[in-house]
């Protein structure tokens, strides 16, 4: 279908560094990050005009705002800022907000987030082991922590999804969570973070993804699959993309840019042209689901 294909970018960020509300982007220190040095992100704001320049040449019709690690003491402040941005610019068209399921005020925060007319989902990055070998079940703050689960259970009250960012070795716990609380949809971010592209690494990633995908109230966003030091090519990412679609099916899979974060490694042109090349042989209807329709289904952009 080429560049005329309508796109809803299911995962992108905006920020205004002048607000001083993003601890990871303010100051000289850097948090551990899978792409390494991200100092380029600290150099300038990223607002709708910047995003429109980056996506020029593609038919991006709407975008879904992903919380950008705003000061965790004020998650509702980020939502208010994003709504003001939407009123001034038309972007974004739906919101994934911040909340902390182990916090004492989780019920109040979720109730506040639910009042936002664009709020569709909540993202939190649960505590995770740094590697598959270091995995321990049920660590505090993880998907299997009873306190985390108690807070998470309130999502269903407000009809909100959960956008989950976690490495693939925690997906068995994610599958248990989805199965135990079936009224909440879990949307996996960044394809389970398949950083290790070795044959053994991909086998392990696929096995955990398969168990998570087997639970019907799950979905996935193919994004954030850049590999530091390597160009974004269809050849490099074909296996990850096609296996993900195979496991979740075309009705539970979405493409997304993760911009401007993935801009550290690849341009929008490289990423989306790569997606289009990889799925060029599937039907036009199924391509439309991956690039547009499934984002409408899960995030109901305005």
C-alpha atoms as a PDB file:
ATOM      1  CA  UNK A   1       0.000   0.000   0.000  1.00  0.00           C
ATOM      2  CA  UNK A   2       3.068   2.260   0.296  1.00  0.00           C
ATOM      3  CA  UNK A   3       3.298   5.674   1.912  1.00  0.00           C
ATOM      4  CA  UNK A   4      -0.365   6.452   1.232  1.00  0.00           C
ATOM      5  CA  UNK A   5      -1.318   3.929   3.912  1.00  0.00           C
ATOM      6  CA  UNK A   6      -3.064   5.757   6.801  1.00  0.00           C
ATOM      7  CA  UNK A   7      -1.042   5.460   9.990  1.00  0.00           C
ATOM      8  CA  UNK A   8      -1.998   5.857  13.612  1.00  0.00           C
ATOM      9  CA  UNK A   9       1.257   5.905  15.515  1.00  0.00           C
ATOM     10  CA  UNK A  10       0.369   3.869  18.593  1.00  0.00           C
ATOM     11  CA  UNK A  11       3.290   4.961  20.802  1.00  0.00           C
ATOM     12  CA  UNK A  12       5.071   8.323  20.750  1.00  0.00           C
ATOM     13  CA  UNK A  13       6.114  11.039  23.213  1.00  0.00           C
ATOM     14  CA  UNK A  14       6.122  14.813  23.575  1.00  0.00           C
ATOM     15  CA  UNK A  15       7.987  16.931  26.119  1.00  0.00           C
ATOM     16  CA  UNK A  16       8.843  20.510  27.000  1.00  0.00           C
ATOM     17  CA  UNK A  17      12.161  20.519  28.821  1.00  0.00           C
ATOM     18  CA  UNK A  18      11.552  24.055  30.053  1.00  0.00           C
ATOM     19  CA  UNK A  19       8.975  22.679  32.476  1.00  0.00           C
ATOM     20  CA  UNK A  20      11.649  20.728  34.365  1.00  0.00           C
ATOM     21  CA  UNK A  21       9.203  17.870  34.944  1.00  0.00           C
ATOM     22  CA  UNK A  22      11.129  14.958  33.397  1.00  0.00           C
ATOM     23  CA  UNK A  23      13.844  13.827  35.836  1.00  0.00           C
ATOM     24  CA  UNK A  24      15.503  11.514  33.306  1.00  0.00           C
ATOM     25  CA  UNK A  25      15.847  14.368  30.796  1.00  0.00           C
ATOM     26  CA  UNK A  26      16.926  17.104  33.230  1.00  0.00           C
ATOM     27  CA  UNK A  27      20.442  17.503  34.588  1.00  0.00           C
ATOM     28  CA  UNK A  28      23.660  15.795  33.604  1.00  0.00           C
ATOM     29  CA  UNK A  29      23.006  12.304  34.944  1.00  0.00           C
ATOM     30  CA  UNK A  30      21.623   9.517  32.755  1.00  0.00           C
ATOM     31  CA  UNK A  31      19.584   6.496  33.766  1.00  0.00           C
ATOM     32  CA  UNK A  32      20.575   3.039  32.470  1.00  0.00           C
ATOM     33  CA  UNK A  33      19.129   2.843  28.971  1.00  0.00           C
ATOM     34  CA  UNK A  34      19.070   0.100  26.354  1.00  0.00           C
ATOM     35  CA  UNK A  35      20.213   2.476  23.599  1.00  0.00           C
ATOM     36  CA  UNK A  36      23.112   3.808  25.672  1.00  0.00           C
ATOM     37  CA  UNK A  37      23.877   7.524  25.628  1.00  0.00           C
ATOM     38  CA  UNK A  38      20.655   9.499  25.174  1.00  0.00           C
ATOM     39  CA  UNK A  39      22.075  12.991  25.736  1.00  0.00           C
ATOM     40  CA  UNK A  40      20.689  14.090  22.339  1.00  0.00           C
ATOM     41  CA  UNK A  41      17.169  13.834  23.794  1.00  0.00           C
ATOM     42  CA  UNK A  42      18.114  16.380  26.464  1.00  0.00           C
ATOM     43  CA  UNK A  43      19.057  19.040  23.951  1.00  0.00           C
ATOM     44  CA  UNK A  44      15.639  20.173  22.745  1.00  0.00           C
ATOM     45  CA  UNK A  45      11.902  20.004  23.255  1.00  0.00           C
ATOM     46  CA  UNK A  46       9.843  17.538  21.263  1.00  0.00           C
ATOM     47  CA  UNK A  47       6.426  18.895  20.347  1.00  0.00           C
ATOM     48  CA  UNK A  48       3.847  18.273  17.603  1.00  0.00           C
ATOM     49  CA  UNK A  49       5.621  20.511  15.069  1.00  0.00           C
ATOM     50  CA  UNK A  50       8.792  18.437  15.528  1.00  0.00           C
ATOM     51  CA  UNK A  51       6.868  15.206  15.165  1.00  0.00           C
ATOM     52  CA  UNK A  52       5.187  16.408  11.972  1.00  0.00           C
ATOM     53  CA  UNK A  53       8.592  17.230  10.490  1.00  0.00           C
ATOM     54  CA  UNK A  54       9.918  13.787  11.401  1.00  0.00           C
ATOM     55  CA  UNK A  55       6.917  11.998   9.870  1.00  0.00           C
ATOM     56  CA  UNK A  56       6.787  14.069   6.687  1.00  0.00           C
ATOM     57  CA  UNK A  57       6.163  11.908   3.634  1.00  0.00           C
ATOM     58  CA  UNK A  58       3.971   9.441   5.542  1.00  0.00           C
ATOM     59  CA  UNK A  59       0.215   9.577   5.989  1.00  0.00           C
ATOM     60  CA  UNK A  60       0.224   9.825   9.791  1.00  0.00           C
ATOM     61  CA  UNK A  61      -3.363  10.736  10.602  1.00  0.00           C
ATOM     62  CA  UNK A  62      -3.303  10.441  14.395  1.00  0.00           C
ATOM     63  CA  UNK A  63      -0.958   9.577  17.246  1.00  0.00           C
ATOM     64  CA  UNK A  64      -1.218   8.016  20.700  1.00  0.00           C
ATOM     65  CA  UNK A  65       0.700   9.810  23.450  1.00  0.00           C
ATOM     66  CA  UNK A  66       2.707   7.597  25.777  1.00  0.00           C
ATOM     67  CA  UNK A  67       3.580   8.971  29.214  1.00  0.00           C
ATOM     68  CA  UNK A  68       7.155  10.235  29.168  1.00  0.00           C
ATOM     69  CA  UNK A  69       8.314   9.574  32.735  1.00  0.00           C
ATOM     70  CA  UNK A  70       7.106  12.917  34.071  1.00  0.00           C
ATOM     71  CA  UNK A  71       7.807  13.515  37.767  1.00  0.00           C
ATOM     72  CA  UNK A  72       6.158  10.467  39.402  1.00  0.00           C
ATOM     73  CA  UNK A  73       4.947  12.635  42.273  1.00  0.00           C
ATOM     74  CA  UNK A  74       2.590  14.427  39.875  1.00  0.00           C
ATOM     75  CA  UNK A  75       1.173  12.039  37.254  1.00  0.00           C
ATOM     76  CA  UNK A  76      -1.988  14.107  36.824  1.00  0.00           C
ATOM     77  CA  UNK A  77       0.119  17.151  36.015  1.00  0.00           C
ATOM     78  CA  UNK A  78       1.396  15.426  32.893  1.00  0.00           C
ATOM     79  CA  UNK A  79      -2.141  14.610  31.833  1.00  0.00           C
ATOM     80  CA  UNK A  80      -3.217  18.235  32.244  1.00  0.00           C
ATOM     81  CA  UNK A  81      -0.243  19.381  30.160  1.00  0.00           C
ATOM     82  CA  UNK A  82      -1.002  16.876  27.402  1.00  0.00           C
ATOM     83  CA  UNK A  83      -4.637  17.919  27.279  1.00  0.00           C
ATOM     84  CA  UNK A  84      -3.582  21.541  26.911  1.00  0.00           C
ATOM     85  CA  UNK A  85      -1.261  20.487  24.082  1.00  0.00           C
ATOM     86  CA  UNK A  86      -4.140  18.663  22.411  1.00  0.00           C
ATOM     87  CA  UNK A  87      -6.402  21.695  22.685  1.00  0.00           C
ATOM     88  CA  UNK A  88      -3.744  23.951  21.156  1.00  0.00           C
ATOM     89  CA  UNK A  89      -2.414  21.690  18.398  1.00  0.00           C
ATOM     90  CA  UNK A  90      -4.826  18.776  17.866  1.00  0.00           C
ATOM     91  CA  UNK A  91      -2.093  16.342  18.960  1.00  0.00           C
ATOM     92  CA  UNK A  92      -2.177  13.786  20.467  1.00  0.00           C
ATOM     93  CA  UNK A  93      -5.445  11.978  19.807  1.00  0.00           C
ATOM     94  CA  UNK A  94      -5.436   9.605  22.790  1.00  0.00           C
ATOM     95  CA  UNK A  95      -3.386   9.342  25.980  1.00  0.00           C
ATOM     96  CA  UNK A  96      -1.615   6.604  27.909  1.00  0.00           C
ATOM     97  CA  UNK A  97      -1.028   8.010  31.384  1.00  0.00           C
ATOM     98  CA  UNK A  98       1.202   7.345  34.349  1.00  0.00           C
ATOM     99  CA  UNK A  99       0.229   5.678  37.635  1.00  0.00           C
ATOM    100  CA  UNK A 100       2.049   3.565  40.214  1.00  0.00           C
ATOM    101  CA  UNK A 101       0.167   0.493  41.330  1.00  0.00           C
ATOM    102  CA  UNK A 102       2.116   0.081  44.558  1.00  0.00           C
ATOM    103  CA  UNK A 103       1.479   3.689  45.665  1.00  0.00           C
ATOM    104  CA  UNK A 104      -0.869   4.426  48.559  1.00  0.00           C
ATOM    105  CA  UNK A 105      -2.842   6.885  46.420  1.00  0.00           C
ATOM    106  CA  UNK A 106      -3.343   4.605  43.438  1.00  0.00           C
ATOM    107  CA  UNK A 107      -7.149   4.653  43.638  1.00  0.00           C
ATOM    108  CA  UNK A 108      -7.242   8.453  43.650  1.00  0.00           C
ATOM    109  CA  UNK A 109      -4.706   8.743  40.830  1.00  0.00           C
ATOM    110  CA  UNK A 110      -6.591   6.299  38.608  1.00  0.00           C
ATOM    111  CA  UNK A 111      -9.860   8.099  39.328  1.00  0.00           C
ATOM    112  CA  UNK A 112      -8.203  11.363  38.344  1.00  0.00           C
ATOM    113  CA  UNK A 113      -6.705   9.904  35.171  1.00  0.00           C
ATOM    114  CA  UNK A 114     -10.081   8.474  34.199  1.00  0.00           C
ATOM    115  CA  UNK A 115     -11.606  11.962  34.124  1.00  0.00           C
ATOM    116  CA  UNK A 116      -9.378  12.866  31.160  1.00  0.00           C
ATOM    117  CA  UNK A 117     -11.485  12.477  27.984  1.00  0.00           C
ATOM    118  CA  UNK A 118      -8.506  11.141  26.013  1.00  0.00           C
ATOM    119  CA  UNK A 119      -7.245   8.667  28.653  1.00  0.00           C
ATOM    120  CA  UNK A 120      -7.275   5.093  27.390  1.00  0.00           C
ATOM    121  CA  UNK A 121      -4.534   3.199  29.229  1.00  0.00           C
ATOM    122  CA  UNK A 122      -1.949   3.385  32.016  1.00  0.00           C
ATOM    123  CA  UNK A 123       1.713   2.525  31.708  1.00  0.00           C
ATOM    124  CA  UNK A 124       4.009   1.532  34.504  1.00  0.00           C
ATOM    125  CA  UNK A 125       7.333  -0.208  34.101  1.00  0.00           C
ATOM    126  CA  UNK A 126       7.256  -2.887  36.824  1.00  0.00           C
ATOM    127  CA  UNK A 127      10.424  -3.795  38.658  1.00  0.00           C
ATOM    128  CA  UNK A 128      12.325  -6.231  36.437  1.00  0.00           C
ATOM    129  CA  UNK A 129      15.428  -8.391  36.627  1.00  0.00           C
ATOM    130  CA  UNK A 130      18.347  -7.083  34.557  1.00  0.00           C
ATOM    131  CA  UNK A 131      18.708 -10.367  32.679  1.00  0.00           C
ATOM    132  CA  UNK A 132      17.017 -13.709  32.119  1.00  0.00           C
ATOM    133  CA  UNK A 133      19.576 -15.411  34.356  1.00  0.00           C
ATOM    134  CA  UNK A 134      18.852 -12.972  37.195  1.00  0.00           C
ATOM    135  CA  UNK A 135      15.071 -13.455  37.110  1.00  0.00           C
ATOM    136  CA  UNK A 136      13.425 -14.069  40.486  1.00  0.00           C
ATOM    137  CA  UNK A 137       9.660 -14.635  40.729  1.00  0.00           C
ATOM    138  CA  UNK A 138       7.518 -12.247  42.693  1.00  0.00           C
ATOM    139  CA  UNK A 139      10.090  -9.607  43.605  1.00  0.00           C
ATOM    140  CA  UNK A 140       8.639  -6.429  45.214  1.00  0.00           C
ATOM    141  CA  UNK A 141       7.172  -4.097  42.617  1.00  0.00           C
ATOM    142  CA  UNK A 142       7.035  -6.779  39.947  1.00  0.00           C
ATOM    143  CA  UNK A 143       4.026  -8.140  38.079  1.00  0.00           C
ATOM    144  CA  UNK A 144       3.603 -10.928  40.625  1.00  0.00           C
ATOM    145  CA  UNK A 145       3.904  -8.712  43.714  1.00  0.00           C
ATOM    146  CA  UNK A 146       0.560  -8.856  45.606  1.00  0.00           C
ATOM    147  CA  UNK A 147       0.694  -5.106  46.288  1.00  0.00           C
ATOM    148  CA  UNK A 148       1.229  -4.380  42.598  1.00  0.00           C
ATOM    149  CA  UNK A 149      -1.649  -6.675  41.682  1.00  0.00           C
ATOM    150  CA  UNK A 150      -3.998  -5.055  44.202  1.00  0.00           C
ATOM    151  CA  UNK A 151      -3.384  -1.642  42.681  1.00  0.00           C
ATOM    152  CA  UNK A 152      -3.564  -2.999  39.152  1.00  0.00           C
ATOM    153  CA  UNK A 153      -6.995  -4.497  39.855  1.00  0.00           C
ATOM    154  CA  UNK A 154      -8.471  -0.978  40.025  1.00  0.00           C
ATOM    155  CA  UNK A 155      -7.903  -0.437  36.288  1.00  0.00           C
ATOM    156  CA  UNK A 156     -11.011  -2.432  35.466  1.00  0.00           C
ATOM    157  CA  UNK A 157     -13.144  -0.055  37.549  1.00  0.00           C
ATOM    158  CA  UNK A 158     -12.318   2.708  35.082  1.00  0.00           C
ATOM    159  CA  UNK A 159     -12.231   0.626  31.900  1.00  0.00           C
ATOM    160  CA  UNK A 160      -8.550   1.380  31.329  1.00  0.00           C
ATOM    161  CA  UNK A 161      -6.002  -0.846  29.591  1.00  0.00           C
ATOM    162  CA  UNK A 162      -2.506  -1.535  30.903  1.00  0.00           C
ATOM    163  CA  UNK A 163       0.459  -0.701  28.667  1.00  0.00           C
ATOM    164  CA  UNK A 164       3.232  -2.966  29.896  1.00  0.00           C
ATOM    165  CA  UNK A 165       6.912  -2.365  29.297  1.00  0.00           C
ATOM    166  CA  UNK A 166       8.997  -5.258  30.549  1.00  0.00           C
ATOM    167  CA  UNK A 167      11.697  -7.548  29.135  1.00  0.00           C
ATOM    168  CA  UNK A 168      10.549 -10.873  27.755  1.00  0.00           C
ATOM    169  CA  UNK A 169      11.752 -12.917  30.736  1.00  0.00           C
ATOM    170  CA  UNK A 170       8.905 -11.410  32.796  1.00  0.00           C
ATOM    171  CA  UNK A 171       6.191 -12.359  30.308  1.00  0.00           C
ATOM    172  CA  UNK A 172       5.207 -15.556  32.112  1.00  0.00           C
ATOM    173  CA  UNK A 173       4.261 -13.372  35.093  1.00  0.00           C
ATOM    174  CA  UNK A 174       2.459 -11.020  32.696  1.00  0.00           C
ATOM    175  CA  UNK A 175       0.505 -13.943  31.268  1.00  0.00           C
ATOM    176  CA  UNK A 176      -0.536 -14.990  34.772  1.00  0.00           C
ATOM    177  CA  UNK A 177      -1.670 -11.433  35.518  1.00  0.00           C
ATOM    178  CA  UNK A 178      -3.723 -11.235  32.318  1.00  0.00           C
ATOM    179  CA  UNK A 179      -5.287 -14.620  32.991  1.00  0.00           C
ATOM    180  CA  UNK A 180      -6.117 -13.821  36.619  1.00  0.00           C
ATOM    181  CA  UNK A 181      -7.683 -10.412  35.828  1.00  0.00           C
ATOM    182  CA  UNK A 182      -9.335 -11.021  32.459  1.00  0.00           C
ATOM    183  CA  UNK A 183     -11.361  -7.791  32.321  1.00  0.00           C
ATOM    184  CA  UNK A 184      -8.217  -5.710  31.752  1.00  0.00           C
ATOM    185  CA  UNK A 185      -6.326  -5.773  28.446  1.00  0.00           C
ATOM    186  CA  UNK A 186      -2.534  -5.792  28.645  1.00  0.00           C
ATOM    187  CA  UNK A 187      -0.804  -4.163  25.668  1.00  0.00           C
ATOM    188  CA  UNK A 188       2.852  -5.161  25.539  1.00  0.00           C
ATOM    189  CA  UNK A 189       5.181  -2.316  24.603  1.00  0.00           C
ATOM    190  CA  UNK A 190       8.288  -2.623  22.457  1.00  0.00           C
ATOM    191  CA  UNK A 191       7.714  -6.239  21.489  1.00  0.00           C
ATOM    192  CA  UNK A 192       9.088  -7.593  24.760  1.00  0.00           C
ATOM    193  CA  UNK A 193      12.468  -5.888  24.244  1.00  0.00           C
ATOM    194  CA  UNK A 194      14.215  -8.511  22.069  1.00  0.00           C
ATOM    195  CA  UNK A 195      17.666  -6.960  22.358  1.00  0.00           C
ATOM    196  CA  UNK A 196      19.554 -10.260  22.033  1.00  0.00           C
ATOM    197  CA  UNK A 197      19.282 -11.223  18.358  1.00  0.00           C
ATOM    198  CA  UNK A 198      21.399 -14.344  18.642  1.00  0.00           C
ATOM    199  CA  UNK A 199      19.655 -17.610  17.660  1.00  0.00           C
ATOM    200  CA  UNK A 200      19.402 -18.656  21.321  1.00  0.00           C
ATOM    201  CA  UNK A 201      18.183 -15.218  22.351  1.00  0.00           C
ATOM    202  CA  UNK A 202      15.415 -15.205  19.760  1.00  0.00           C
ATOM    203  CA  UNK A 203      14.314 -18.726  20.702  1.00  0.00           C
ATOM    204  CA  UNK A 204      13.954 -17.714  24.361  1.00  0.00           C
ATOM    205  CA  UNK A 205      12.179 -14.462  23.456  1.00  0.00           C
ATOM    206  CA  UNK A 206       9.738 -16.283  21.216  1.00  0.00           C
ATOM    207  CA  UNK A 207       8.912 -18.931  23.830  1.00  0.00           C
ATOM    208  CA  UNK A 208       7.932 -16.319  26.419  1.00  0.00           C
ATOM    209  CA  UNK A 209       6.058 -14.227  23.856  1.00  0.00           C
ATOM    210  CA  UNK A 210       4.099 -17.300  22.814  1.00  0.00           C
ATOM    211  CA  UNK A 211       2.923 -17.981  26.365  1.00  0.00           C
ATOM    212  CA  UNK A 212       1.880 -14.353  26.841  1.00  0.00           C
ATOM    213  CA  UNK A 213       0.117 -14.172  23.484  1.00  0.00           C
ATOM    214  CA  UNK A 214      -1.877 -17.314  24.314  1.00  0.00           C
ATOM    215  CA  UNK A 215      -3.950 -15.278  26.810  1.00  0.00           C
ATOM    216  CA  UNK A 216      -6.746 -13.602  24.828  1.00  0.00           C
ATOM    217  CA  UNK A 217      -6.828 -10.267  26.686  1.00  0.00           C
ATOM    218  CA  UNK A 218      -3.338  -9.338  25.475  1.00  0.00           C
ATOM    219  CA  UNK A 219      -2.051  -7.297  22.544  1.00  0.00           C
ATOM    220  CA  UNK A 220       1.325  -6.014  21.368  1.00  0.00           C
ATOM    221  CA  UNK A 221       2.959  -2.968  19.844  1.00  0.00           C
ATOM    222  CA  UNK A 222       5.873  -3.556  17.491  1.00  0.00           C
ATOM    223  CA  UNK A 223       8.142  -0.641  18.320  1.00  0.00           C
ATOM    224  CA  UNK A 224      11.382   0.072  20.102  1.00  0.00           C
ATOM    225  CA  UNK A 225      13.240  -2.701  18.264  1.00  0.00           C
ATOM    226  CA  UNK A 226      16.238  -0.649  17.185  1.00  0.00           C
ATOM    227  CA  UNK A 227      19.604  -2.318  17.806  1.00  0.00           C
ATOM    228  CA  UNK A 228      22.394   0.054  18.926  1.00  0.00           C
ATOM    229  CA  UNK A 229      25.237   0.198  16.428  1.00  0.00           C
ATOM    230  CA  UNK A 230      23.200  -1.341  13.604  1.00  0.00           C
ATOM    231  CA  UNK A 231      21.100   0.298  10.939  1.00  0.00           C
ATOM    232  CA  UNK A 232      17.332  -0.303  11.076  1.00  0.00           C
ATOM    233  CA  UNK A 233      16.739  -2.644   8.149  1.00  0.00           C
ATOM    234  CA  UNK A 234      13.986  -5.029   7.172  1.00  0.00           C
ATOM    235  CA  UNK A 235      16.528  -7.828   7.134  1.00  0.00           C
ATOM    236  CA  UNK A 236      17.626  -7.174  10.716  1.00  0.00           C
ATOM    237  CA  UNK A 237      14.089  -6.939  12.108  1.00  0.00           C
ATOM    238  CA  UNK A 238      12.090  -9.254   9.857  1.00  0.00           C
ATOM    239  CA  UNK A 239      12.205 -12.221  12.224  1.00  0.00           C
ATOM    240  CA  UNK A 240      11.017 -10.187  15.225  1.00  0.00           C
ATOM    241  CA  UNK A 241       8.206  -8.520  13.285  1.00  0.00           C
ATOM    242  CA  UNK A 242       6.885 -11.614  11.534  1.00  0.00           C
ATOM    243  CA  UNK A 243       7.083 -13.875  14.577  1.00  0.00           C
ATOM    244  CA  UNK A 244       5.238 -11.284  16.666  1.00  0.00           C
ATOM    245  CA  UNK A 245       2.438 -11.047  14.105  1.00  0.00           C
ATOM    246  CA  UNK A 246       2.317 -14.839  13.892  1.00  0.00           C
ATOM    247  CA  UNK A 247       1.944 -15.186  17.669  1.00  0.00           C
ATOM    248  CA  UNK A 248      -0.606 -12.416  18.300  1.00  0.00           C
ATOM    249  CA  UNK A 249      -2.340 -12.371  14.930  1.00  0.00           C
ATOM    250  CA  UNK A 250      -3.105  -9.325  12.818  1.00  0.00           C
ATOM    251  CA  UNK A 251      -6.041  -8.371  15.082  1.00  0.00           C
ATOM    252  CA  UNK A 252      -3.908  -7.856  18.222  1.00  0.00           C
ATOM    253  CA  UNK A 253      -0.779  -6.248  16.764  1.00  0.00           C
ATOM    254  CA  UNK A 254       0.057  -2.581  16.125  1.00  0.00           C
ATOM    255  CA  UNK A 255       3.028  -0.715  14.675  1.00  0.00           C
ATOM    256  CA  UNK A 256       4.447   2.325  16.481  1.00  0.00           C
ATOM    257  CA  UNK A 257       7.445   4.645  16.261  1.00  0.00           C
ATOM    258  CA  UNK A 258       8.510   5.265  19.870  1.00  0.00           C
ATOM    259  CA  UNK A 259       9.544   8.713  18.660  1.00  0.00           C
ATOM    260  CA  UNK A 260      11.558  10.677  19.498  1.00  0.00           C
ATOM    261  CA  UNK A 261      13.329   8.036  21.616  1.00  0.00           C
ATOM    262  CA  UNK A 262      14.007   5.704  18.690  1.00  0.00           C
ATOM    263  CA  UNK A 263      15.228   8.700  16.726  1.00  0.00           C
ATOM    264  CA  UNK A 264      18.475   8.113  18.634  1.00  0.00           C
ATOM    265  CA  UNK A 265      19.052   5.075  16.430  1.00  0.00           C
ATOM    266  CA  UNK A 266      16.885   5.395  13.303  1.00  0.00           C
ATOM    267  CA  UNK A 267      14.722   7.842  11.386  1.00  0.00           C
ATOM    268  CA  UNK A 268      10.973   7.529  10.963  1.00  0.00           C
ATOM    269  CA  UNK A 269      11.539   6.810   7.273  1.00  0.00           C
ATOM    270  CA  UNK A 270      13.777   3.830   8.038  1.00  0.00           C
ATOM    271  CA  UNK A 271      11.456   2.394  10.663  1.00  0.00           C
ATOM    272  CA  UNK A 272       8.153   2.718   8.837  1.00  0.00           C
ATOM    273  CA  UNK A 273       9.525   1.876   5.404  1.00  0.00           C
ATOM    274  CA  UNK A 274      11.015  -1.182   7.073  1.00  0.00           C
ATOM    275  CA  UNK A 275       7.679  -2.188   8.569  1.00  0.00           C
ATOM    276  CA  UNK A 276       6.019  -1.740   5.187  1.00  0.00           C
ATOM    277  CA  UNK A 277       8.651  -3.833   3.425  1.00  0.00           C
ATOM    278  CA  UNK A 278       8.367  -6.672   5.928  1.00  0.00           C
ATOM    279  CA  UNK A 279       4.563  -6.952   5.628  1.00  0.00           C
ATOM    280  CA  UNK A 280       4.291  -6.103   1.918  1.00  0.00           C
ATOM    281  CA  UNK A 281       3.112  -9.620   1.050  1.00  0.00           C
ATOM    282  CA  UNK A 282       0.118  -9.658   3.387  1.00  0.00           C
ATOM    283  CA  UNK A 283      -3.298  -8.391   2.320  1.00  0.00           C
ATOM    284  CA  UNK A 284      -4.158  -4.701   2.197  1.00  0.00           C
ATOM    285  CA  UNK A 285      -6.865  -5.251   4.806  1.00  0.00           C
ATOM    286  CA  UNK A 286      -4.407  -6.827   7.217  1.00  0.00           C
ATOM    287  CA  UNK A 287      -1.843  -4.086   6.642  1.00  0.00           C
ATOM    288  CA  UNK A 288      -4.526  -1.549   7.493  1.00  0.00           C
ATOM    289  CA  UNK A 289      -5.159  -3.348  10.778  1.00  0.00           C
ATOM    290  CA  UNK A 290      -1.476  -3.266  11.719  1.00  0.00           C
ATOM    291  CA  UNK A 291      -0.864   0.375  10.834  1.00  0.00           C
ATOM    292  CA  UNK A 292      -4.232   1.915  11.674  1.00  0.00           C
ATOM    293  CA  UNK A 293      -7.338  -0.074  12.583  1.00  0.00           C
ATOM    294  CA  UNK A 294      -6.053  -1.885  15.667  1.00  0.00           C
ATOM    295  CA  UNK A 295      -4.937   1.414  17.192  1.00  0.00           C
ATOM    296  CA  UNK A 296      -8.496   2.649  16.662  1.00  0.00           C
ATOM    297  CA  UNK A 297      -9.842  -0.471  18.373  1.00  0.00           C
ATOM    298  CA  UNK A 298      -7.613  -0.314  21.434  1.00  0.00           C
ATOM    299  CA  UNK A 299      -7.113   3.440  21.905  1.00  0.00           C
ATOM    300  CA  UNK A 300     -10.216   5.037  20.321  1.00  0.00           C
ATOM    301  CA  UNK A 301      -8.408   8.198  19.178  1.00  0.00           C
ATOM    302  CA  UNK A 302     -10.558  11.276  18.684  1.00  0.00           C
END
